[in-house]
Amino acid sequence: MSTEGTSWREGIEPEVLNDIDTLFGTGLGMAQEQLEEHGAFLPVGLVMTTDGELRLIAVQPEDIEGDEESEEVDADAMIQDIYTALQQEKSQFRAIAVISDIYLPDNDTDAIHVATEHSWGAAIAAIQPYSHDDDGEWTYPDPFIDPQDRIVWPPA
């Protein structure tokens, strides 16, 4: 992680930081692996169970046009379905992440978005731009941190 913007870490329990760092690292690594192998990735959930085990949560993509032959998927609908599944099972988790591919218009680049939430209150996202050159080389600059809305454990 970039050392810039480390202030978000201040005041957060060490156990929570450890869980978030694990979700960030695992989520970014999984997305990078999928990009390098397939050139893309679908949204997915990653959870840390109450006993500290990491599990993947995936949903079936729906075709945008309702056409089974279509290669287009509605990523926003998939993200919503992932959050619905996470909300329904949240008592089994202490932390979650939703990993998705986003576009950053200000930078004119794609990025990996890892939105985390912890049951103890923290909600933060890591955003890692990426690019691919004509020689097949992938570049991943340091991720930056962005505030995240609490969806699975909304504020009381």
N, C-alpha and C. Protein backbone atom coordinates (compact mmCIF):
# COMPACT_ATOMS: atom_id res chain seq x y z
N MET A 1 0.83 -1.17 0.00
CA MET A 1 0.00 0.00 0.00
C MET A 1 0.88 1.24 0.00
N SER A 2 0.38 2.24 -0.62
CA SER A 2 1.07 3.53 -0.60
C SER A 2 1.09 4.07 0.83
N THR A 3 2.19 4.71 1.18
CA THR A 3 2.27 5.29 2.52
C THR A 3 1.54 6.62 2.59
N GLU A 4 1.18 7.18 1.43
CA GLU A 4 0.41 8.41 1.43
C GLU A 4 -0.96 8.14 2.03
N GLY A 5 -1.48 9.11 2.74
CA GLY A 5 -2.83 8.97 3.26
C GLY A 5 -2.96 7.93 4.36
N THR A 6 -1.90 7.70 5.13
CA THR A 6 -1.98 6.71 6.19
C THR A 6 -2.87 7.16 7.34
N SER A 7 -3.31 8.43 7.33
CA SER A 7 -4.11 8.95 8.44
C SER A 7 -5.42 8.18 8.61
N TRP A 8 -5.94 7.57 7.58
CA TRP A 8 -7.18 6.80 7.73
C TRP A 8 -7.00 5.66 8.73
N ARG A 9 -5.78 5.21 8.94
CA ARG A 9 -5.49 4.10 9.84
C ARG A 9 -5.53 4.51 11.31
N GLU A 10 -5.38 5.81 11.57
CA GLU A 10 -5.32 6.30 12.94
C GLU A 10 -6.64 6.05 13.65
N GLY A 11 -6.56 5.54 14.87
CA GLY A 11 -7.74 5.33 15.68
C GLY A 11 -8.51 4.05 15.38
N ILE A 12 -8.01 3.25 14.45
CA ILE A 12 -8.67 1.99 14.11
C ILE A 12 -7.96 0.86 14.84
N GLU A 13 -8.74 -0.01 15.45
CA GLU A 13 -8.19 -1.16 16.19
C GLU A 13 -7.21 -1.95 15.33
N PRO A 14 -6.10 -2.41 15.90
CA PRO A 14 -5.13 -3.21 15.13
C PRO A 14 -5.75 -4.45 14.47
N GLU A 15 -6.69 -5.10 15.16
CA GLU A 15 -7.33 -6.30 14.58
C GLU A 15 -8.12 -5.94 13.33
N VAL A 16 -8.79 -4.78 13.38
CA VAL A 16 -9.57 -4.32 12.23
C VAL A 16 -8.63 -3.99 11.07
N LEU A 17 -7.54 -3.27 11.36
CA LEU A 17 -6.57 -2.95 10.32
C LEU A 17 -6.00 -4.21 9.69
N ASN A 18 -5.71 -5.21 10.50
CA ASN A 18 -5.19 -6.46 9.98
C ASN A 18 -6.19 -7.12 9.03
N ASP A 19 -7.47 -7.15 9.43
CA ASP A 19 -8.50 -7.74 8.57
C ASP A 19 -8.62 -6.97 7.25
N ILE A 20 -8.64 -5.63 7.34
CA ILE A 20 -8.77 -4.81 6.13
C ILE A 20 -7.55 -4.99 5.23
N ASP A 21 -6.35 -4.99 5.81
CA ASP A 21 -5.13 -5.20 5.01
C ASP A 21 -5.17 -6.56 4.31
N THR A 22 -5.66 -7.59 5.01
CA THR A 22 -5.76 -8.93 4.41
C THR A 22 -6.73 -8.90 3.24
N LEU A 23 -7.88 -8.26 3.42
CA LEU A 23 -8.86 -8.17 2.33
C LEU A 23 -8.32 -7.35 1.16
N PHE A 24 -7.65 -6.23 1.46
CA PHE A 24 -7.04 -5.43 0.39
C PHE A 24 -6.04 -6.26 -0.41
N GLY A 25 -5.10 -6.87 0.30
CA GLY A 25 -4.05 -7.63 -0.38
C GLY A 25 -4.59 -8.80 -1.18
N THR A 26 -5.50 -9.55 -0.59
CA THR A 26 -6.06 -10.70 -1.28
C THR A 26 -6.92 -10.26 -2.46
N GLY A 27 -7.75 -9.23 -2.26
CA GLY A 27 -8.62 -8.74 -3.33
C GLY A 27 -7.84 -8.19 -4.50
N LEU A 28 -6.84 -7.36 -4.23
CA LEU A 28 -6.02 -6.81 -5.31
C LEU A 28 -5.27 -7.92 -6.04
N GLY A 29 -4.73 -8.87 -5.29
CA GLY A 29 -4.00 -9.98 -5.89
C GLY A 29 -4.88 -10.84 -6.79
N MET A 30 -6.10 -11.14 -6.31
CA MET A 30 -7.03 -11.95 -7.11
C MET A 30 -7.39 -11.22 -8.41
N ALA A 31 -7.68 -9.93 -8.31
CA ALA A 31 -8.07 -9.16 -9.49
C ALA A 31 -6.91 -9.09 -10.49
N GLN A 32 -5.70 -8.84 -10.00
CA GLN A 32 -4.53 -8.78 -10.89
C GLN A 32 -4.32 -10.11 -11.60
N GLU A 33 -4.48 -11.21 -10.87
CA GLU A 33 -4.32 -12.54 -11.47
C GLU A 33 -5.35 -12.76 -12.58
N GLN A 34 -6.61 -12.38 -12.34
CA GLN A 34 -7.65 -12.54 -13.35
C GLN A 34 -7.37 -11.65 -14.57
N LEU A 35 -6.92 -10.42 -14.32
CA LEU A 35 -6.59 -9.53 -15.44
C LEU A 35 -5.48 -10.13 -16.30
N GLU A 36 -4.44 -10.64 -15.66
CA GLU A 36 -3.30 -11.17 -16.41
C GLU A 36 -3.65 -12.46 -17.14
N GLU A 37 -4.55 -13.26 -16.59
CA GLU A 37 -4.93 -14.52 -17.24
C GLU A 37 -6.04 -14.34 -18.27
N HIS A 38 -6.99 -13.42 -17.99
CA HIS A 38 -8.18 -13.32 -18.83
C HIS A 38 -8.43 -11.94 -19.42
N GLY A 39 -7.67 -10.94 -18.98
CA GLY A 39 -7.85 -9.58 -19.48
C GLY A 39 -9.02 -8.85 -18.86
N ALA A 40 -9.73 -9.48 -17.92
CA ALA A 40 -10.89 -8.87 -17.27
C ALA A 40 -11.22 -9.70 -16.03
N PHE A 41 -12.13 -9.16 -15.21
CA PHE A 41 -12.64 -9.93 -14.09
C PHE A 41 -14.04 -9.46 -13.76
N LEU A 42 -14.83 -10.36 -13.22
CA LEU A 42 -16.19 -10.04 -12.80
C LEU A 42 -16.18 -9.65 -11.32
N PRO A 43 -17.16 -8.85 -10.90
CA PRO A 43 -17.25 -8.50 -9.48
C PRO A 43 -17.38 -9.76 -8.62
N VAL A 44 -16.78 -9.70 -7.44
CA VAL A 44 -16.81 -10.83 -6.53
C VAL A 44 -16.73 -10.30 -5.10
N GLY A 45 -17.26 -11.08 -4.18
CA GLY A 45 -17.16 -10.73 -2.77
C GLY A 45 -16.10 -11.60 -2.10
N LEU A 46 -15.44 -11.04 -1.12
CA LEU A 46 -14.46 -11.76 -0.33
C LEU A 46 -14.82 -11.48 1.12
N VAL A 47 -14.95 -12.53 1.92
CA VAL A 47 -15.34 -12.32 3.31
C VAL A 47 -14.32 -12.94 4.26
N MET A 48 -14.24 -12.34 5.43
CA MET A 48 -13.50 -12.94 6.52
C MET A 48 -14.56 -13.38 7.52
N THR A 49 -14.62 -14.69 7.75
CA THR A 49 -15.63 -15.22 8.66
C THR A 49 -15.30 -14.81 10.09
N THR A 50 -16.23 -15.04 10.99
CA THR A 50 -16.01 -14.68 12.39
C THR A 50 -14.81 -15.42 12.98
N ASP A 51 -14.45 -16.58 12.41
CA ASP A 51 -13.28 -17.31 12.91
C ASP A 51 -12.01 -17.03 12.10
N GLY A 52 -12.05 -16.00 11.22
CA GLY A 52 -10.85 -15.57 10.51
C GLY A 52 -10.57 -16.26 9.19
N GLU A 53 -11.48 -17.07 8.70
CA GLU A 53 -11.28 -17.77 7.43
C GLU A 53 -11.72 -16.87 6.27
N LEU A 54 -10.94 -16.88 5.17
CA LEU A 54 -11.32 -16.13 3.98
C LEU A 54 -12.17 -17.02 3.07
N ARG A 55 -13.25 -16.44 2.54
CA ARG A 55 -14.12 -17.15 1.62
C ARG A 55 -14.51 -16.23 0.47
N LEU A 56 -14.68 -16.82 -0.69
CA LEU A 56 -15.11 -16.11 -1.88
C LEU A 56 -16.62 -16.19 -2.01
N ILE A 57 -17.27 -15.08 -2.37
CA ILE A 57 -18.70 -15.05 -2.60
C ILE A 57 -18.91 -14.58 -4.04
N ALA A 58 -19.48 -15.42 -4.86
CA ALA A 58 -19.71 -15.07 -6.27
C ALA A 58 -21.19 -15.20 -6.59
N VAL A 59 -21.63 -14.44 -7.57
CA VAL A 59 -23.01 -14.51 -8.05
C VAL A 59 -23.00 -14.75 -9.55
N GLN A 60 -24.08 -15.31 -10.03
CA GLN A 60 -24.21 -15.58 -11.46
C GLN A 60 -24.51 -14.27 -12.19
N PRO A 61 -23.73 -13.94 -13.22
CA PRO A 61 -24.03 -12.70 -13.95
C PRO A 61 -25.30 -12.87 -14.79
N GLU A 62 -26.03 -11.76 -14.90
CA GLU A 62 -27.19 -11.74 -15.78
C GLU A 62 -26.77 -11.02 -17.05
N ASP A 63 -27.24 -11.51 -18.18
CA ASP A 63 -26.94 -10.85 -19.45
C ASP A 63 -27.67 -9.52 -19.52
N ILE A 64 -27.01 -8.51 -20.06
CA ILE A 64 -27.61 -7.19 -20.15
C ILE A 64 -28.87 -7.21 -21.00
N GLU A 65 -28.82 -7.84 -22.15
CA GLU A 65 -29.95 -7.85 -23.08
C GLU A 65 -30.89 -9.01 -22.81
N GLY A 66 -30.59 -9.86 -21.84
CA GLY A 66 -31.38 -11.06 -21.63
C GLY A 66 -31.04 -12.13 -22.65
N ASP A 67 -30.00 -11.89 -23.44
CA ASP A 67 -29.58 -12.81 -24.50
C ASP A 67 -28.48 -13.71 -23.95
N GLU A 68 -28.72 -15.01 -23.93
CA GLU A 68 -27.73 -15.93 -23.36
C GLU A 68 -26.42 -15.94 -24.14
N GLU A 69 -26.46 -15.48 -25.39
CA GLU A 69 -25.25 -15.46 -26.21
C GLU A 69 -24.41 -14.20 -25.95
N SER A 70 -25.01 -13.22 -25.30
CA SER A 70 -24.33 -11.96 -25.05
C SER A 70 -23.14 -12.16 -24.14
N GLU A 71 -22.04 -11.47 -24.45
CA GLU A 71 -20.87 -11.52 -23.57
C GLU A 71 -20.87 -10.34 -22.61
N GLU A 72 -21.82 -9.43 -22.76
CA GLU A 72 -21.96 -8.29 -21.87
C GLU A 72 -22.68 -8.73 -20.61
N VAL A 73 -22.17 -8.31 -19.47
CA VAL A 73 -22.85 -8.59 -18.20
C VAL A 73 -23.11 -7.27 -17.50
N ASP A 74 -24.10 -7.27 -16.64
CA ASP A 74 -24.45 -6.09 -15.87
C ASP A 74 -23.69 -6.15 -14.55
N ALA A 75 -22.50 -5.54 -14.54
CA ALA A 75 -21.64 -5.59 -13.35
C ALA A 75 -22.31 -4.90 -12.16
N ASP A 76 -23.04 -3.82 -12.40
CA ASP A 76 -23.71 -3.12 -11.30
C ASP A 76 -24.74 -4.02 -10.63
N ALA A 77 -25.49 -4.79 -11.44
CA ALA A 77 -26.47 -5.73 -10.87
C ALA A 77 -25.75 -6.83 -10.09
N MET A 78 -24.61 -7.29 -10.58
CA MET A 78 -23.83 -8.30 -9.86
C MET A 78 -23.36 -7.76 -8.52
N ILE A 79 -22.89 -6.53 -8.50
CA ILE A 79 -22.42 -5.92 -7.25
C ILE A 79 -23.58 -5.83 -6.26
N GLN A 80 -24.75 -5.42 -6.74
CA GLN A 80 -25.92 -5.33 -5.86
C GLN A 80 -26.29 -6.72 -5.32
N ASP A 81 -26.23 -7.74 -6.18
CA ASP A 81 -26.53 -9.11 -5.74
C ASP A 81 -25.53 -9.60 -4.69
N ILE A 82 -24.25 -9.23 -4.88
CA ILE A 82 -23.22 -9.60 -3.90
C ILE A 82 -23.54 -8.95 -2.56
N TYR A 83 -23.85 -7.65 -2.57
CA TYR A 83 -24.17 -6.95 -1.32
C TYR A 83 -25.42 -7.55 -0.66
N THR A 84 -26.40 -7.94 -1.45
CA THR A 84 -27.61 -8.57 -0.90
C THR A 84 -27.24 -9.87 -0.18
N ALA A 85 -26.41 -10.68 -0.83
CA ALA A 85 -25.98 -11.95 -0.22
C ALA A 85 -25.18 -11.68 1.06
N LEU A 86 -24.31 -10.68 1.03
CA LEU A 86 -23.50 -10.36 2.20
C LEU A 86 -24.36 -9.86 3.36
N GLN A 87 -25.37 -9.05 3.05
CA GLN A 87 -26.27 -8.55 4.09
C GLN A 87 -27.03 -9.70 4.75
N GLN A 88 -27.45 -10.66 3.94
CA GLN A 88 -28.23 -11.79 4.46
C GLN A 88 -27.41 -12.68 5.38
N GLU A 89 -26.11 -12.76 5.16
CA GLU A 89 -25.24 -13.67 5.91
C GLU A 89 -24.28 -12.94 6.84
N LYS A 90 -24.47 -11.64 7.06
CA LYS A 90 -23.48 -10.83 7.77
C LYS A 90 -23.15 -11.31 9.17
N SER A 91 -24.04 -12.04 9.81
CA SER A 91 -23.74 -12.53 11.16
C SER A 91 -22.60 -13.55 11.15
N GLN A 92 -22.29 -14.12 9.98
CA GLN A 92 -21.21 -15.09 9.86
C GLN A 92 -19.86 -14.45 9.55
N PHE A 93 -19.85 -13.13 9.30
CA PHE A 93 -18.64 -12.44 8.87
C PHE A 93 -18.22 -11.38 9.88
N ARG A 94 -16.90 -11.12 9.91
CA ARG A 94 -16.45 -9.97 10.69
C ARG A 94 -15.97 -8.85 9.76
N ALA A 95 -15.68 -9.19 8.50
CA ALA A 95 -15.28 -8.18 7.52
C ALA A 95 -15.59 -8.70 6.12
N ILE A 96 -15.86 -7.75 5.21
CA ILE A 96 -16.17 -8.12 3.82
C ILE A 96 -15.43 -7.18 2.88
N ALA A 97 -15.29 -7.64 1.64
CA ALA A 97 -14.79 -6.78 0.56
C ALA A 97 -15.57 -7.13 -0.70
N VAL A 98 -15.84 -6.12 -1.50
CA VAL A 98 -16.42 -6.34 -2.82
C VAL A 98 -15.40 -5.80 -3.81
N ILE A 99 -14.95 -6.69 -4.70
CA ILE A 99 -13.91 -6.37 -5.66
C ILE A 99 -14.56 -6.19 -7.02
N SER A 100 -14.30 -5.04 -7.64
CA SER A 100 -14.89 -4.78 -8.95
C SER A 100 -13.92 -3.98 -9.82
N ASP A 101 -14.24 -3.95 -11.10
CA ASP A 101 -13.45 -3.22 -12.09
C ASP A 101 -14.18 -1.91 -12.35
N ILE A 102 -13.50 -0.79 -12.16
CA ILE A 102 -14.14 0.51 -12.36
C ILE A 102 -13.33 1.33 -13.37
N TYR A 103 -13.95 2.39 -13.84
CA TYR A 103 -13.29 3.33 -14.74
C TYR A 103 -13.12 4.66 -14.01
N LEU A 104 -11.93 5.22 -14.08
CA LEU A 104 -11.64 6.51 -13.46
C LEU A 104 -11.58 7.58 -14.55
N PRO A 105 -12.67 8.31 -14.79
CA PRO A 105 -12.70 9.26 -15.90
C PRO A 105 -11.66 10.37 -15.78
N ASP A 106 -11.37 10.82 -14.56
CA ASP A 106 -10.38 11.89 -14.38
C ASP A 106 -8.99 11.45 -14.80
N ASN A 107 -8.72 10.16 -14.69
CA ASN A 107 -7.40 9.61 -15.05
C ASN A 107 -7.45 8.89 -16.40
N ASP A 108 -8.65 8.72 -16.97
CA ASP A 108 -8.86 7.98 -18.21
C ASP A 108 -8.20 6.60 -18.14
N THR A 109 -8.51 5.88 -17.05
CA THR A 109 -7.93 4.56 -16.87
C THR A 109 -8.90 3.66 -16.10
N ASP A 110 -8.70 2.38 -16.24
CA ASP A 110 -9.46 1.40 -15.46
C ASP A 110 -8.74 1.20 -14.13
N ALA A 111 -9.50 0.66 -13.15
CA ALA A 111 -8.91 0.44 -11.83
C ALA A 111 -9.61 -0.72 -11.14
N ILE A 112 -8.87 -1.36 -10.26
CA ILE A 112 -9.42 -2.38 -9.37
C ILE A 112 -9.96 -1.63 -8.15
N HIS A 113 -11.19 -1.92 -7.77
CA HIS A 113 -11.82 -1.27 -6.62
C HIS A 113 -12.11 -2.35 -5.58
N VAL A 114 -11.50 -2.23 -4.41
CA VAL A 114 -11.72 -3.17 -3.32
C VAL A 114 -12.38 -2.40 -2.18
N ALA A 115 -13.70 -2.53 -2.08
CA ALA A 115 -14.47 -1.83 -1.05
C ALA A 115 -14.61 -2.74 0.16
N THR A 116 -14.06 -2.31 1.29
CA THR A 116 -14.12 -3.14 2.50
C THR A 116 -15.03 -2.51 3.54
N GLU A 117 -15.58 -3.38 4.36
CA GLU A 117 -16.36 -2.98 5.53
C GLU A 117 -16.02 -3.94 6.64
N HIS A 118 -15.91 -3.40 7.84
CA HIS A 118 -15.67 -4.26 8.99
C HIS A 118 -16.85 -4.13 9.94
N SER A 119 -17.22 -5.23 10.56
CA SER A 119 -18.37 -5.22 11.47
C SER A 119 -18.15 -4.29 12.66
N TRP A 120 -16.89 -3.94 12.95
CA TRP A 120 -16.58 -3.06 14.08
C TRP A 120 -16.63 -1.59 13.68
N GLY A 121 -16.93 -1.28 12.43
CA GLY A 121 -17.16 0.11 12.08
C GLY A 121 -16.38 0.69 10.92
N ALA A 122 -15.23 0.17 10.58
CA ALA A 122 -14.43 0.77 9.51
C ALA A 122 -15.02 0.43 8.14
N ALA A 123 -14.97 1.40 7.23
CA ALA A 123 -15.39 1.18 5.85
C ALA A 123 -14.47 2.01 4.96
N ILE A 124 -13.67 1.33 4.14
CA ILE A 124 -12.64 2.01 3.34
C ILE A 124 -12.43 1.23 2.05
N ALA A 125 -12.04 1.92 0.99
CA ALA A 125 -11.79 1.26 -0.29
C ALA A 125 -10.36 1.52 -0.74
N ALA A 126 -9.78 0.51 -1.38
CA ALA A 126 -8.49 0.67 -2.06
C ALA A 126 -8.79 0.69 -3.55
N ILE A 127 -8.19 1.64 -4.25
CA ILE A 127 -8.40 1.77 -5.68
C ILE A 127 -7.04 1.72 -6.35
N GLN A 128 -6.86 0.73 -7.23
CA GLN A 128 -5.57 0.55 -7.89
C GLN A 128 -5.75 0.65 -9.40
N PRO A 129 -5.31 1.79 -9.99
CA PRO A 129 -5.35 1.89 -11.45
C PRO A 129 -4.49 0.79 -12.07
N TYR A 130 -4.82 0.44 -13.29
CA TYR A 130 -3.98 -0.54 -14.00
C TYR A 130 -3.99 -0.22 -15.48
N SER A 131 -2.96 -0.71 -16.16
CA SER A 131 -2.89 -0.55 -17.61
C SER A 131 -2.18 -1.76 -18.20
N HIS A 132 -2.35 -1.90 -19.49
CA HIS A 132 -1.81 -3.03 -20.23
C HIS A 132 -1.20 -2.48 -21.50
N ASP A 133 0.07 -2.81 -21.77
CA ASP A 133 0.69 -2.28 -22.99
C ASP A 133 0.66 -3.31 -24.11
N ASP A 134 1.12 -2.91 -25.28
CA ASP A 134 1.07 -3.77 -26.47
C ASP A 134 1.96 -5.00 -26.35
N ASP A 135 2.93 -4.97 -25.44
CA ASP A 135 3.82 -6.11 -25.24
C ASP A 135 3.26 -7.11 -24.23
N GLY A 136 2.06 -6.85 -23.73
CA GLY A 136 1.44 -7.77 -22.78
C GLY A 136 1.84 -7.53 -21.34
N GLU A 137 2.50 -6.40 -21.07
CA GLU A 137 2.92 -6.08 -19.71
C GLU A 137 1.81 -5.32 -18.99
N TRP A 138 1.51 -5.75 -17.77
CA TRP A 138 0.52 -5.08 -16.93
C TRP A 138 1.24 -4.18 -15.95
N THR A 139 0.69 -3.00 -15.71
CA THR A 139 1.26 -2.05 -14.77
C THR A 139 0.21 -1.74 -13.70
N TYR A 140 0.64 -1.80 -12.44
CA TYR A 140 -0.24 -1.53 -11.30
C TYR A 140 0.42 -0.49 -10.39
N PRO A 141 0.12 0.79 -10.59
CA PRO A 141 0.66 1.79 -9.66
C PRO A 141 0.14 1.53 -8.24
N ASP A 142 0.75 2.17 -7.27
CA ASP A 142 0.30 2.02 -5.88
C ASP A 142 -1.18 2.37 -5.78
N PRO A 143 -1.93 1.60 -5.01
CA PRO A 143 -3.34 1.94 -4.80
C PRO A 143 -3.47 3.18 -3.93
N PHE A 144 -4.62 3.83 -4.06
CA PHE A 144 -4.93 4.93 -3.14
C PHE A 144 -6.18 4.56 -2.37
N ILE A 145 -6.39 5.26 -1.27
CA ILE A 145 -7.47 4.95 -0.34
C ILE A 145 -8.59 5.96 -0.52
N ASP A 146 -9.83 5.48 -0.40
CA ASP A 146 -11.00 6.33 -0.56
C ASP A 146 -12.04 5.92 0.49
N PRO A 147 -12.79 6.87 1.04
CA PRO A 147 -13.85 6.49 1.98
C PRO A 147 -14.87 5.58 1.31
N GLN A 148 -15.52 4.77 2.09
CA GLN A 148 -16.50 3.80 1.57
C GLN A 148 -17.77 3.89 2.41
N ASP A 149 -18.92 3.85 1.75
CA ASP A 149 -20.18 3.80 2.50
C ASP A 149 -20.35 2.44 3.15
N ARG A 150 -20.97 2.45 4.33
CA ARG A 150 -21.28 1.19 5.03
C ARG A 150 -22.60 0.68 4.48
N ILE A 151 -22.56 -0.49 3.85
CA ILE A 151 -23.74 -1.08 3.23
C ILE A 151 -24.17 -2.34 3.98
N VAL A 152 -23.22 -3.20 4.31
CA VAL A 152 -23.54 -4.46 5.00
C VAL A 152 -23.88 -4.19 6.46
N TRP A 153 -23.08 -3.35 7.10
CA TRP A 153 -23.34 -2.94 8.50
C TRP A 153 -23.56 -1.43 8.49
N PRO A 154 -24.76 -0.97 8.09
CA PRO A 154 -24.98 0.48 8.03
C PRO A 154 -24.94 1.11 9.42
N PRO A 155 -24.63 2.41 9.47
CA PRO A 155 -24.61 3.09 10.77
C PRO A 155 -25.97 2.98 11.44
N ALA A 156 -25.97 2.88 12.75
CA ALA A 156 -27.24 2.72 13.50
C ALA A 156 -28.05 4.01 13.47
